């Protein structure tokens, strides 16, 4: 015996389709007009708001939802003017370069000739929501020489600003060590 079919419209004006609805054994069977394959829903019919139905594979159906708005996550890649404050030193300025290959270069403490007193090198990684982790080493200038190992965690506050804090471990050539806190803020210049 042939089942009676009715034509129903599902979705808004741009997503309306004629479908055949047949009830069989308490289940709703949904057949989309050719050339799409038949779809089967195995749920009891309930009142719902209008949605468009999209065929994915035979025997399944998905409900279309509005596309998510893509957001652009700021990148640290570029040249930054930075101010650094270590807990036991006055604030200093420098230039920090974040490169696309996840390496970085810090030129800091401009001397009387305008050239940096030291150059540091390291690497950086960005994370979810504009978070930023970077670490670098640089020589310790002055009368007590050695190497500074710096590790900072921060956040890009905008596409042209960041703030970070962390620790600097100083390892001196005479065998001494010390660890101090460090805060760095930056403004993108290029």
Protein backbone atom coordinates (compact mmCIF):
# COMPACT_ATOMS: atom_id res chain seq x y z
CA UNK A 1 0.00 0.00 0.00
CA UNK A 2 1.42 3.38 -0.98
CA UNK A 3 1.95 5.91 1.85
CA UNK A 4 0.33 9.30 1.57
CA UNK A 5 2.83 12.13 1.12
CA UNK A 6 2.42 15.79 1.85
CA UNK A 7 4.61 18.72 0.89
CA UNK A 8 6.06 20.77 3.76
CA UNK A 9 8.46 23.72 3.69
CA UNK A 10 11.37 23.76 6.17
CA UNK A 11 13.55 26.82 6.86
CA UNK A 12 13.44 30.48 6.02
CA UNK A 13 12.87 32.04 2.61
CA UNK A 14 16.37 31.22 1.36
CA UNK A 15 16.43 27.65 2.60
CA UNK A 16 12.95 26.36 1.75
CA UNK A 17 12.69 22.91 0.25
CA UNK A 18 9.79 20.68 -0.55
CA UNK A 19 10.05 17.48 1.42
CA UNK A 20 8.00 14.37 1.66
CA UNK A 21 7.02 13.31 5.14
CA UNK A 22 5.86 9.83 5.97
CA UNK A 23 5.23 8.52 9.45
CA UNK A 24 6.16 4.92 10.02
CA UNK A 25 6.20 3.09 13.36
CA UNK A 26 6.42 6.31 15.38
CA UNK A 27 9.53 7.59 13.59
CA UNK A 28 9.78 10.50 11.22
CA UNK A 29 11.30 9.72 7.83
CA UNK A 30 12.37 12.75 5.81
CA UNK A 31 12.94 12.44 2.09
CA UNK A 32 14.53 15.40 0.29
CA UNK A 33 13.53 16.02 -3.33
CA UNK A 34 15.91 14.54 -5.91
CA UNK A 35 18.84 14.50 -6.59
CA UNK A 36 19.73 14.43 -2.86
CA UNK A 37 19.59 11.08 -1.00
CA UNK A 38 16.82 10.28 1.46
CA UNK A 39 17.38 11.35 5.07
CA UNK A 40 16.08 9.58 8.13
CA UNK A 41 15.54 11.19 11.50
CA UNK A 42 15.04 8.79 14.38
CA UNK A 43 13.41 11.11 16.87
CA UNK A 44 9.80 11.59 17.78
CA UNK A 45 8.32 14.60 16.01
CA UNK A 46 8.35 17.73 18.19
CA UNK A 47 7.60 21.37 17.62
CA UNK A 48 10.79 23.22 16.67
CA UNK A 49 11.80 26.55 15.26
CA UNK A 50 12.52 26.81 11.56
CA UNK A 51 15.98 25.54 10.58
CA UNK A 52 17.48 24.40 7.35
CA UNK A 53 18.38 20.74 6.98
CA UNK A 54 21.52 19.72 5.10
CA UNK A 55 22.28 16.23 3.82
CA UNK A 56 25.70 14.95 4.79
CA UNK A 57 25.64 11.21 4.17
CA UNK A 58 22.74 8.85 3.65
CA UNK A 59 20.94 8.21 6.90
CA UNK A 60 22.10 11.39 8.67
CA UNK A 61 20.99 15.00 8.81
CA UNK A 62 22.59 18.10 10.23
CA UNK A 63 21.03 21.40 11.13
CA UNK A 64 22.70 24.45 9.65
CA UNK A 65 23.78 27.07 12.17
CA UNK A 66 25.06 30.56 11.49
CA UNK A 67 28.76 30.61 10.61
CA UNK A 68 31.06 31.77 13.41
CA UNK A 69 32.64 35.14 12.91
CA UNK A 70 36.35 34.75 12.29
CA UNK A 71 38.52 36.76 14.65
CA UNK A 72 42.07 37.80 13.98
CA UNK A 73 44.54 37.03 16.73
CA UNK A 74 47.26 39.68 16.96
CA UNK A 75 50.76 38.48 16.12
CA UNK A 76 53.89 39.63 17.91
CA UNK A 77 55.92 39.44 14.67
CA UNK A 78 57.59 42.80 14.15
CA UNK A 79 59.73 45.42 15.86
CA UNK A 80 58.85 46.58 19.37
CA UNK A 81 60.10 49.41 21.54
CA UNK A 82 60.34 47.87 25.04
CA UNK A 83 60.79 49.08 28.58
CA UNK A 84 62.25 46.56 31.03
CA UNK A 85 62.21 46.73 34.81
CA UNK A 86 64.22 44.21 36.81
CA UNK A 87 63.62 44.23 40.56
CA UNK A 88 67.10 45.49 41.43
CA UNK A 89 67.82 47.87 38.50
CA UNK A 90 66.32 51.08 37.16
CA UNK A 91 64.05 50.75 34.10
CA UNK A 92 65.82 50.42 30.77
CA UNK A 93 64.76 50.63 27.14
CA UNK A 94 65.54 48.58 24.10
CA UNK A 95 64.26 47.12 20.86
CA UNK A 96 62.77 43.63 20.65
CA UNK A 97 62.39 41.88 17.30
CA UNK A 98 59.90 38.97 17.07
CA UNK A 99 60.61 37.07 13.85
CA UNK A 100 58.15 34.87 11.93
CA UNK A 101 60.35 31.78 12.47
CA UNK A 102 59.70 32.13 16.26
CA UNK A 103 63.15 33.47 17.05
CA UNK A 104 63.76 36.84 18.68
CA UNK A 105 66.49 39.39 19.17
CA UNK A 106 66.75 41.99 21.93
CA UNK A 107 69.00 45.02 21.63
CA UNK A 108 69.10 46.81 24.99
CA UNK A 109 70.79 49.43 27.11
CA UNK A 110 71.83 51.97 24.48
CA UNK A 111 75.34 53.20 25.22
CA UNK A 112 76.72 56.72 24.74
CA UNK A 113 77.19 56.01 21.03
CA UNK A 114 73.53 54.90 20.69
CA UNK A 115 74.48 51.27 20.06
CA UNK A 116 73.13 48.57 22.40
CA UNK A 117 75.38 47.51 25.27
CA UNK A 118 74.19 43.93 24.82
CA UNK A 119 72.27 41.79 22.33
CA UNK A 120 70.11 38.89 23.44
CA UNK A 121 68.74 36.03 21.34
CA UNK A 122 66.04 33.47 21.96
CA UNK A 123 62.66 32.15 20.89
CA UNK A 124 58.97 32.88 21.37
CA UNK A 125 55.63 31.05 21.23
CA UNK A 126 52.10 32.42 21.16
CA UNK A 127 49.10 30.76 22.70
CA UNK A 128 45.34 31.02 23.05
CA UNK A 129 43.83 34.47 23.39
CA UNK A 130 46.97 36.42 22.57
CA UNK A 131 49.14 34.89 25.29
CA UNK A 132 52.84 34.98 24.69
CA UNK A 133 55.81 33.06 26.12
CA UNK A 134 59.37 33.97 25.24
CA UNK A 135 62.83 33.30 26.54
CA UNK A 136 66.25 34.57 25.66
CA UNK A 137 69.81 34.87 26.92
CA UNK A 138 72.10 37.85 26.90
CA UNK A 139 75.53 38.71 28.26
CA UNK A 140 75.65 40.57 31.56
CA UNK A 141 77.33 43.92 31.02
CA UNK A 142 79.32 45.67 33.71
CA UNK A 143 82.07 44.73 36.12
CA UNK A 144 80.51 41.38 37.14
CA UNK A 145 80.22 39.54 33.83
CA UNK A 146 78.17 36.48 33.05
CA UNK A 147 75.00 35.41 31.26
CA UNK A 148 71.36 36.24 31.95
CA UNK A 149 68.66 33.62 31.24
CA UNK A 150 65.32 35.37 30.88
CA UNK A 151 61.88 33.73 30.71
CA UNK A 152 58.68 35.78 30.39
CA UNK A 153 54.95 35.14 30.03
CA UNK A 154 52.68 37.85 28.78
CA UNK A 155 49.75 38.85 26.67
CA UNK A 156 49.26 40.93 23.57
CA UNK A 157 46.99 43.68 24.90
CA UNK A 158 46.29 44.84 21.32
CA UNK A 159 47.85 44.51 17.90
CA UNK A 160 50.40 47.14 18.96
CA UNK A 161 50.98 46.46 22.66
CA UNK A 162 52.05 43.73 25.06
CA UNK A 163 52.98 43.30 28.70
CA UNK A 164 54.90 40.43 30.25
CA UNK A 165 56.54 39.38 33.49
CA UNK A 166 58.87 36.62 34.54
CA UNK A 167 62.29 35.84 35.96
CA UNK A 168 65.89 36.53 35.07
CA UNK A 169 68.46 34.04 36.32
CA UNK A 170 71.91 35.55 36.32
CA UNK A 171 74.86 33.18 36.17
CA UNK A 172 78.12 35.02 36.82
CA UNK A 173 81.53 34.05 35.52
CA UNK A 174 82.80 34.00 39.14
CA UNK A 175 80.36 31.14 39.96
CA UNK A 176 77.65 33.20 41.66
CA UNK A 177 73.96 33.10 40.69
CA UNK A 178 70.87 35.12 41.51
CA UNK A 179 67.28 35.28 40.30
CA UNK A 180 65.29 38.51 40.00
CA UNK A 181 61.83 39.40 38.72
CA UNK A 182 61.44 41.18 35.42
CA UNK A 183 58.54 43.14 33.88
CA UNK A 184 58.55 44.16 30.23
CA UNK A 185 56.07 46.26 28.24
CA UNK A 186 56.24 46.88 24.54
CA UNK A 187 54.80 49.07 21.79
CA UNK A 188 54.97 47.87 18.20
CA UNK A 189 56.88 50.24 15.95
CA UNK A 190 57.07 48.23 12.71
